[in-house]
Amino acid sequence: MNLKTYKQNASLVSRKVDDHLVLVPVNQNIGDLRNIFTLNEVGIRIWELIEEERTYPEIFSILHDEYEVSEDRLRNDIGKFLDNLESAGAVVIGQLSNGTDCSRVEHC
């Protein structure tokens, strides 16, 4: 089976502002505030992780080890965040074939 992979879209620039990271598209109308993202600590960590191509299970496993949060909440939060990034074109989506049974993996 194929797993969906996530990687930062190079058409965004990021700037650290206090404890947040602001992502701004460079190829779109900068006046369109819907395409600007402000990331909190966990969002920043996911953004760092997808600097290289990663699957949802890889991201989940790393964050599960780093943060004290229930598995259900973590799954939900990661899923929503990646879906939002994907909808906005902030990530490049790929496929990784590794024999995983996608019926048991979220975001496969």
C-alpha atoms as a PDB file:
ATOM      1  CA  MET A   1       0.000   0.000   0.000  1.00  0.00           C
ATOM      2  CA  ASN A   2       1.006   3.651  -0.397  1.00  0.00           C
ATOM      3  CA  LEU A   3       1.344   6.120   2.442  1.00  0.00           C
ATOM      4  CA  LYS A   4       0.781   9.812   1.840  1.00  0.00           C
ATOM      5  CA  THR A   5       3.899  11.883   2.539  1.00  0.00           C
ATOM      6  CA  TYR A   6       4.112  15.534   3.531  1.00  0.00           C
ATOM      7  CA  LYS A   7       6.883  18.034   2.815  1.00  0.00           C
ATOM      8  CA  GLN A   8       7.095  21.801   3.162  1.00  0.00           C
ATOM      9  CA  ASN A   9       6.159  23.702   0.026  1.00  0.00           C
ATOM     10  CA  ALA A  10       9.171  25.809  -0.939  1.00  0.00           C
ATOM     11  CA  SER A  11       6.873  28.605  -2.145  1.00  0.00           C
ATOM     12  CA  LEU A  12       6.347  29.750   1.461  1.00  0.00           C
ATOM     13  CA  VAL A  13       8.648  31.827   3.584  1.00  0.00           C
ATOM     14  CA  SER A  14       8.622  31.658   7.357  1.00  0.00           C
ATOM     15  CA  ARG A  15       9.467  34.196  10.027  1.00  0.00           C
ATOM     16  CA  LYS A  16       9.667  33.753  13.790  1.00  0.00           C
ATOM     17  CA  VAL A  17       7.515  36.269  15.678  1.00  0.00           C
ATOM     18  CA  ASP A  18       7.700  35.885  19.457  1.00  0.00           C
ATOM     19  CA  ASP A  19       6.714  32.251  20.175  1.00  0.00           C
ATOM     20  CA  HIS A  20       5.019  31.749  16.817  1.00  0.00           C
ATOM     21  CA  LEU A  21       6.081  31.038  13.262  1.00  0.00           C
ATOM     22  CA  VAL A  22       4.363  32.920  10.443  1.00  0.00           C
ATOM     23  CA  LEU A  23       4.148  31.252   7.021  1.00  0.00           C
ATOM     24  CA  VAL A  24       3.583  33.527   4.028  1.00  0.00           C
ATOM     25  CA  PRO A  25       3.176  32.389   0.410  1.00  0.00           C
ATOM     26  CA  VAL A  26       5.523  34.191  -1.980  1.00  0.00           C
ATOM     27  CA  ASN A  27       3.710  33.242  -5.198  1.00  0.00           C
ATOM     28  CA  GLN A  28       0.213  34.408  -4.249  1.00  0.00           C
ATOM     29  CA  ASN A  29      -1.484  37.684  -3.417  1.00  0.00           C
ATOM     30  CA  ILE A  30       0.040  38.652  -0.078  1.00  0.00           C
ATOM     31  CA  GLY A  31      -3.071  40.670   0.694  1.00  0.00           C
ATOM     32  CA  ASP A  32      -5.059  37.436   0.902  1.00  0.00           C
ATOM     33  CA  LEU A  33      -4.822  36.745   4.634  1.00  0.00           C
ATOM     34  CA  ARG A  34      -6.403  33.299   4.235  1.00  0.00           C
ATOM     35  CA  ASN A  35      -3.066  32.048   2.895  1.00  0.00           C
ATOM     36  CA  ILE A  36      -1.017  33.245   5.868  1.00  0.00           C
ATOM     37  CA  PHE A  37      -0.530  30.791   8.725  1.00  0.00           C
ATOM     38  CA  THR A  38       0.539  31.471  12.289  1.00  0.00           C
ATOM     39  CA  LEU A  39       1.876  28.344  13.963  1.00  0.00           C
ATOM     40  CA  ASN A  40       2.064  27.608  17.677  1.00  0.00           C
ATOM     41  CA  GLU A  41       4.665  25.387  19.352  1.00  0.00           C
ATOM     42  CA  VAL A  42       3.240  22.090  18.084  1.00  0.00           C
ATOM     43  CA  GLY A  43       2.573  23.509  14.621  1.00  0.00           C
ATOM     44  CA  ILE A  44       6.170  24.733  14.497  1.00  0.00           C
ATOM     45  CA  ARG A  45       7.396  21.261  15.465  1.00  0.00           C
ATOM     46  CA  ILE A  46       5.337  19.620  12.704  1.00  0.00           C
ATOM     47  CA  TRP A  47       6.615  22.224  10.219  1.00  0.00           C
ATOM     48  CA  GLU A  48      10.191  21.383  11.262  1.00  0.00           C
ATOM     49  CA  LEU A  49       9.514  17.664  10.863  1.00  0.00           C
ATOM     50  CA  ILE A  50       8.198  18.072   7.325  1.00  0.00           C
ATOM     51  CA  GLU A  51      11.270  19.958   6.218  1.00  0.00           C
ATOM     52  CA  GLU A  52      12.059  16.492   4.904  1.00  0.00           C
ATOM     53  CA  GLU A  53       9.428  14.162   3.509  1.00  0.00           C
ATOM     54  CA  ARG A  54       7.491  12.391   6.296  1.00  0.00           C
ATOM     55  CA  THR A  55       4.446  10.189   6.610  1.00  0.00           C
ATOM     56  CA  TYR A  56       1.612  10.772   9.063  1.00  0.00           C
ATOM     57  CA  PRO A  57       2.656   7.735  11.187  1.00  0.00           C
ATOM     58  CA  GLU A  58       6.221   9.101  11.408  1.00  0.00           C
ATOM     59  CA  ILE A  59       4.959  12.514  12.525  1.00  0.00           C
ATOM     60  CA  PHE A  60       2.563  10.926  15.016  1.00  0.00           C
ATOM     61  CA  SER A  61       5.260   8.695  16.504  1.00  0.00           C
ATOM     62  CA  ILE A  62       7.726  11.554  16.994  1.00  0.00           C
ATOM     63  CA  LEU A  63       5.152  13.898  18.560  1.00  0.00           C
ATOM     64  CA  HIS A  64       3.750  11.116  20.752  1.00  0.00           C
ATOM     65  CA  ASP A  65       7.248  10.657  22.196  1.00  0.00           C
ATOM     66  CA  GLU A  66       7.752  14.401  22.695  1.00  0.00           C
ATOM     67  CA  TYR A  67       4.401  15.566  24.115  1.00  0.00           C
ATOM     68  CA  GLU A  68       2.188  14.343  26.926  1.00  0.00           C
ATOM     69  CA  VAL A  69      -1.187  14.200  25.212  1.00  0.00           C
ATOM     70  CA  SER A  70      -3.763  11.485  24.579  1.00  0.00           C
ATOM     71  CA  GLU A  71      -3.363   9.507  21.378  1.00  0.00           C
ATOM     72  CA  ASP A  72      -6.871  10.479  20.229  1.00  0.00           C
ATOM     73  CA  ARG A  73      -6.251  14.186  20.668  1.00  0.00           C
ATOM     74  CA  LEU A  74      -2.853  13.952  19.001  1.00  0.00           C
ATOM     75  CA  ARG A  75      -4.300  12.058  16.004  1.00  0.00           C
ATOM     76  CA  ASN A  76      -7.095  14.595  15.672  1.00  0.00           C
ATOM     77  CA  ASP A  77      -4.826  17.646  16.001  1.00  0.00           C
ATOM     78  CA  ILE A  78      -2.206  16.358  13.551  1.00  0.00           C
ATOM     79  CA  GLY A  79      -4.887  15.339  11.060  1.00  0.00           C
ATOM     80  CA  LYS A  80      -6.612  18.735  11.127  1.00  0.00           C
ATOM     81  CA  PHE A  81      -3.305  20.588  10.892  1.00  0.00           C
ATOM     82  CA  LEU A  82      -2.037  18.561   7.922  1.00  0.00           C
ATOM     83  CA  ASP A  83      -5.427  18.835   6.193  1.00  0.00           C
ATOM     84  CA  ASN A  84      -5.343  22.630   6.604  1.00  0.00           C
ATOM     85  CA  LEU A  85      -1.800  22.824   5.228  1.00  0.00           C
ATOM     86  CA  GLU A  86      -2.746  20.579   2.321  1.00  0.00           C
ATOM     87  CA  SER A  87      -5.886  22.604   1.498  1.00  0.00           C
ATOM     88  CA  ALA A  88      -3.837  25.787   1.422  1.00  0.00           C
ATOM     89  CA  GLY A  89      -1.107  24.278  -0.734  1.00  0.00           C
ATOM     90  CA  ALA A  90       1.465  24.745   2.042  1.00  0.00           C
ATOM     91  CA  VAL A  91       2.704  21.156   1.717  1.00  0.00           C
ATOM     92  CA  VAL A  92       3.794  18.989  -1.168  1.00  0.00           C
ATOM     93  CA  ILE A  93       2.038  15.620  -1.087  1.00  0.00           C
ATOM     94  CA  GLY A  94       3.774  12.460  -2.226  1.00  0.00           C
ATOM     95  CA  GLN A  95       3.355   8.716  -1.911  1.00  0.00           C
ATOM     96  CA  LEU A  96       5.608   6.211  -0.178  1.00  0.00           C
ATOM     97  CA  SER A  97       5.163   2.533  -0.936  1.00  0.00           C
ATOM     98  CA  ASN A  98       6.164   0.412   2.034  1.00  0.00           C
ATOM     99  CA  GLY A  99       3.702  -2.439   2.321  1.00  0.00           C
ATOM    100  CA  THR A 100       1.710  -0.797   5.127  1.00  0.00           C
ATOM    101  CA  ASP A 101      -1.894  -1.895   5.560  1.00  0.00           C
ATOM    102  CA  CYS A 102      -3.627   1.442   4.975  1.00  0.00           C
ATOM    103  CA  SER A 103      -6.882   0.185   6.451  1.00  0.00           C
ATOM    104  CA  ARG A 104      -5.226   0.556   9.865  1.00  0.00           C
ATOM    105  CA  VAL A 105      -3.362   3.830   9.304  1.00  0.00           C
ATOM    106  CA  GLU A 106      -5.024   7.229   9.444  1.00  0.00           C
ATOM    107  CA  HIS A 107      -4.118   9.646   6.620  1.00  0.00           C
ATOM    108  CA  CYS A 108      -2.882   6.845   4.411  1.00  0.00           C
END
